[in-house]
């Protein structure tokens, strides 16, 4: 279960695991917008008010109110799956 305004861990994983080369432009755009909205919601919510699952999701996705690559993006980069 996700917090209000946040993506579920299942949605995040699904978007991260599918290579960009297999996504339509619409799907890529949708993923980008959902990611930006989730990041904004994460930044606006104090760590003390996040659920345990959102804390884990933020740690994995790099969404900890800092500009850093997510573990999923690092893995995709290592496998050559991220478009640059």
N, C-alpha and C. Protein backbone atom coordinates (compact mmCIF):
# COMPACT_ATOMS: atom_id res chain seq x y z
N UNK A 1 0.85 -1.18 0.00
CA UNK A 1 0.00 0.00 0.00
C UNK A 1 0.88 1.23 0.00
N UNK A 2 0.53 2.20 -0.79
CA UNK A 2 1.34 3.41 -0.87
C UNK A 2 0.66 4.55 -0.12
N UNK A 3 1.46 5.52 0.26
CA UNK A 3 0.95 6.71 0.91
C UNK A 3 0.27 7.59 -0.13
N UNK A 4 -0.57 8.51 0.32
CA UNK A 4 -1.30 9.40 -0.58
C UNK A 4 -0.32 10.16 -1.49
N UNK A 5 -0.60 10.12 -2.79
CA UNK A 5 0.22 10.83 -3.76
C UNK A 5 1.51 10.12 -4.14
N UNK A 6 1.71 8.92 -3.65
CA UNK A 6 2.95 8.19 -3.90
C UNK A 6 2.70 6.97 -4.77
N UNK A 7 3.71 6.57 -5.54
CA UNK A 7 3.64 5.36 -6.34
C UNK A 7 3.86 4.16 -5.44
N UNK A 8 3.18 3.06 -5.75
CA UNK A 8 3.40 1.84 -4.98
C UNK A 8 4.75 1.24 -5.38
N UNK A 9 5.28 0.39 -4.53
CA UNK A 9 6.54 -0.27 -4.83
C UNK A 9 6.42 -1.13 -6.08
N UNK A 10 5.25 -1.74 -6.29
CA UNK A 10 5.02 -2.57 -7.47
C UNK A 10 5.10 -1.73 -8.74
N UNK A 11 4.47 -0.56 -8.73
CA UNK A 11 4.51 0.33 -9.89
C UNK A 11 5.94 0.81 -10.18
N UNK A 12 6.67 1.17 -9.12
CA UNK A 12 8.04 1.62 -9.28
C UNK A 12 8.90 0.51 -9.88
N UNK A 13 8.75 -0.69 -9.35
CA UNK A 13 9.55 -1.82 -9.84
C UNK A 13 9.22 -2.13 -11.29
N UNK A 14 7.95 -2.12 -11.62
CA UNK A 14 7.54 -2.41 -13.00
C UNK A 14 8.12 -1.42 -13.98
N UNK A 15 8.10 -0.15 -13.62
CA UNK A 15 8.64 0.90 -14.49
C UNK A 15 10.16 0.80 -14.60
N UNK A 16 10.81 0.44 -13.50
CA UNK A 16 12.27 0.39 -13.48
C UNK A 16 12.82 -0.83 -14.21
N UNK A 17 12.10 -1.94 -14.15
CA UNK A 17 12.62 -3.18 -14.71
C UNK A 17 12.42 -3.31 -16.22
N UNK A 18 11.46 -2.59 -16.77
CA UNK A 18 11.23 -2.67 -18.22
C UNK A 18 12.19 -1.71 -18.92
N UNK A 19 13.01 -2.21 -19.84
CA UNK A 19 13.96 -1.34 -20.54
C UNK A 19 13.24 -0.23 -21.31
N UNK A 20 13.85 0.95 -21.34
CA UNK A 20 13.27 2.08 -22.07
C UNK A 20 13.08 1.75 -23.55
N UNK A 21 13.95 0.91 -24.08
CA UNK A 21 13.86 0.55 -25.50
C UNK A 21 12.60 -0.24 -25.82
N UNK A 22 11.97 -0.83 -24.80
CA UNK A 22 10.74 -1.60 -24.99
C UNK A 22 9.49 -0.79 -24.66
N UNK A 23 9.67 0.47 -24.25
CA UNK A 23 8.55 1.31 -23.88
C UNK A 23 8.19 2.25 -25.03
N UNK A 24 6.89 2.53 -25.16
CA UNK A 24 6.47 3.54 -26.13
C UNK A 24 6.82 4.92 -25.57
N UNK A 25 6.78 5.93 -26.46
CA UNK A 25 7.05 7.29 -26.00
C UNK A 25 6.03 7.71 -24.94
N UNK A 26 4.78 7.29 -25.12
CA UNK A 26 3.74 7.61 -24.15
C UNK A 26 4.05 6.99 -22.79
N UNK A 27 4.48 5.73 -22.82
CA UNK A 27 4.80 5.04 -21.57
C UNK A 27 6.02 5.67 -20.89
N UNK A 28 7.01 6.05 -21.69
CA UNK A 28 8.19 6.71 -21.11
C UNK A 28 7.81 8.05 -20.48
N UNK A 29 6.96 8.80 -21.18
CA UNK A 29 6.51 10.09 -20.65
C UNK A 29 5.70 9.93 -19.38
N UNK A 30 4.83 8.92 -19.38
CA UNK A 30 4.01 8.64 -18.20
C UNK A 30 4.89 8.26 -17.01
N UNK A 31 5.88 7.40 -17.24
CA UNK A 31 6.80 7.01 -16.17
C UNK A 31 7.55 8.22 -15.62
N UNK A 32 7.98 9.11 -16.53
CA UNK A 32 8.72 10.29 -16.10
C UNK A 32 7.84 11.19 -15.23
N UNK A 33 6.60 11.43 -15.68
CA UNK A 33 5.70 12.30 -14.91
C UNK A 33 5.35 11.69 -13.56
N UNK A 34 5.08 10.38 -13.54
CA UNK A 34 4.78 9.71 -12.27
C UNK A 34 5.98 9.76 -11.34
N UNK A 35 7.17 9.59 -11.89
CA UNK A 35 8.38 9.65 -11.07
C UNK A 35 8.61 11.03 -10.48
N UNK A 36 8.38 12.07 -11.30
CA UNK A 36 8.54 13.46 -10.81
C UNK A 36 7.50 13.77 -9.73
N UNK A 37 6.26 13.32 -9.94
CA UNK A 37 5.21 13.55 -8.93
C UNK A 37 5.54 12.81 -7.64
N UNK A 38 6.03 11.58 -7.77
CA UNK A 38 6.39 10.80 -6.59
C UNK A 38 7.56 11.45 -5.85
N UNK A 39 8.52 11.95 -6.61
CA UNK A 39 9.67 12.63 -6.00
C UNK A 39 9.24 13.89 -5.26
N UNK A 40 8.32 14.65 -5.87
CA UNK A 40 7.81 15.86 -5.21
C UNK A 40 7.07 15.51 -3.93
N UNK A 41 6.26 14.45 -4.00
CA UNK A 41 5.52 14.02 -2.80
C UNK A 41 6.49 13.54 -1.73
N UNK A 42 7.55 12.86 -2.14
CA UNK A 42 8.55 12.39 -1.19
C UNK A 42 9.26 13.55 -0.52
N UNK A 43 9.62 14.55 -1.32
CA UNK A 43 10.34 15.71 -0.78
C UNK A 43 9.48 16.52 0.17
N UNK A 44 8.18 16.54 -0.07
CA UNK A 44 7.28 17.32 0.77
C UNK A 44 6.82 16.61 2.03
N UNK A 45 7.18 15.36 2.15
CA UNK A 45 6.74 14.58 3.31
C UNK A 45 7.94 14.30 4.22
N UNK A 46 7.87 14.72 5.49
CA UNK A 46 8.98 14.47 6.41
C UNK A 46 9.23 12.97 6.58
N UNK A 47 10.49 12.60 6.73
CA UNK A 47 10.85 11.20 6.93
C UNK A 47 10.06 10.57 8.07
N UNK A 48 9.82 11.33 9.12
CA UNK A 48 9.13 10.80 10.30
C UNK A 48 7.68 10.42 10.02
N UNK A 49 7.11 10.94 8.90
CA UNK A 49 5.72 10.65 8.58
C UNK A 49 5.56 9.62 7.47
N UNK A 50 6.65 9.07 6.99
CA UNK A 50 6.58 8.09 5.91
C UNK A 50 6.35 6.69 6.48
N UNK A 51 5.60 5.90 5.71
CA UNK A 51 5.41 4.52 6.11
C UNK A 51 6.72 3.76 5.90
N UNK A 52 6.82 2.61 6.53
CA UNK A 52 8.02 1.79 6.41
C UNK A 52 8.28 1.41 4.95
N UNK A 53 7.22 1.05 4.23
CA UNK A 53 7.40 0.65 2.82
C UNK A 53 7.84 1.84 1.96
N UNK A 54 7.37 3.04 2.25
CA UNK A 54 7.80 4.21 1.47
C UNK A 54 9.24 4.57 1.79
N UNK A 55 9.68 4.38 3.02
CA UNK A 55 11.08 4.62 3.35
C UNK A 55 11.97 3.67 2.55
N UNK A 56 11.57 2.41 2.46
CA UNK A 56 12.34 1.43 1.69
C UNK A 56 12.31 1.80 0.21
N UNK A 57 11.12 2.12 -0.30
CA UNK A 57 10.99 2.50 -1.70
C UNK A 57 11.82 3.71 -2.05
N UNK A 58 11.85 4.70 -1.17
CA UNK A 58 12.65 5.91 -1.40
C UNK A 58 14.14 5.57 -1.39
N UNK A 59 14.55 4.67 -0.49
CA UNK A 59 15.96 4.29 -0.43
C UNK A 59 16.38 3.58 -1.72
N UNK A 60 15.53 2.71 -2.22
CA UNK A 60 15.85 1.96 -3.44
C UNK A 60 15.80 2.86 -4.66
N UNK A 61 14.84 3.77 -4.71
CA UNK A 61 14.68 4.62 -5.89
C UNK A 61 15.53 5.88 -5.85
N UNK A 62 16.25 6.11 -4.76
CA UNK A 62 17.07 7.32 -4.66
C UNK A 62 16.25 8.55 -4.36
N UNK A 63 15.06 8.36 -3.84
CA UNK A 63 14.11 9.44 -3.61
C UNK A 63 14.18 9.90 -2.15
N UNK A 64 15.34 10.32 -1.70
CA UNK A 64 15.50 10.70 -0.31
C UNK A 64 15.79 12.18 -0.16
N UNK A 65 15.03 12.98 -0.92
CA UNK A 65 15.18 14.43 -0.87
C UNK A 65 16.58 14.88 -1.25
N UNK A 66 17.27 14.09 -2.05
CA UNK A 66 18.60 14.41 -2.54
C UNK A 66 18.65 14.06 -4.02
N UNK A 67 19.56 14.66 -4.74
CA UNK A 67 19.74 14.32 -6.15
C UNK A 67 20.79 13.23 -6.26
N UNK A 68 20.33 12.00 -6.33
CA UNK A 68 21.23 10.87 -6.48
C UNK A 68 20.56 9.82 -7.36
N UNK A 69 21.37 9.02 -8.00
CA UNK A 69 20.84 7.96 -8.85
C UNK A 69 20.23 6.86 -7.98
N UNK A 70 19.15 6.28 -8.49
CA UNK A 70 18.53 5.17 -7.77
C UNK A 70 19.31 3.89 -8.01
N UNK A 71 19.11 2.90 -7.16
CA UNK A 71 19.73 1.60 -7.37
C UNK A 71 19.25 0.99 -8.68
N UNK A 72 17.97 1.20 -9.01
CA UNK A 72 17.41 0.68 -10.25
C UNK A 72 18.10 1.33 -11.45
N UNK A 73 18.32 2.66 -11.42
CA UNK A 73 19.00 3.34 -12.52
C UNK A 73 20.45 2.89 -12.63
N UNK A 74 21.10 2.69 -11.50
CA UNK A 74 22.49 2.22 -11.54
C UNK A 74 22.58 0.84 -12.18
N UNK A 75 21.62 -0.03 -11.86
CA UNK A 75 21.60 -1.37 -12.45
C UNK A 75 21.32 -1.30 -13.94
N UNK A 76 20.36 -0.44 -14.35
CA UNK A 76 20.07 -0.29 -15.77
C UNK A 76 21.28 0.28 -16.51
N UNK A 77 22.00 1.21 -15.91
CA UNK A 77 23.20 1.75 -16.53
C UNK A 77 24.25 0.66 -16.72
N UNK A 78 24.42 -0.17 -15.70
CA UNK A 78 25.41 -1.23 -15.78
C UNK A 78 25.08 -2.24 -16.87
N UNK A 79 23.79 -2.45 -17.11
CA UNK A 79 23.37 -3.40 -18.13
C UNK A 79 23.16 -2.74 -19.49
N UNK A 80 23.39 -1.43 -19.56
CA UNK A 80 23.23 -0.71 -20.82
C UNK A 80 21.77 -0.55 -21.23
N UNK A 81 20.85 -0.55 -20.27
CA UNK A 81 19.42 -0.47 -20.56
C UNK A 81 18.89 0.95 -20.51
N UNK A 82 19.61 1.90 -19.93
CA UNK A 82 19.16 3.28 -19.84
C UNK A 82 19.56 4.03 -21.10
N UNK A 83 18.62 4.79 -21.64
CA UNK A 83 18.96 5.66 -22.78
C UNK A 83 19.69 6.87 -22.24
N UNK A 84 20.67 7.33 -22.96
CA UNK A 84 21.40 8.52 -22.54
C UNK A 84 21.25 9.60 -23.55
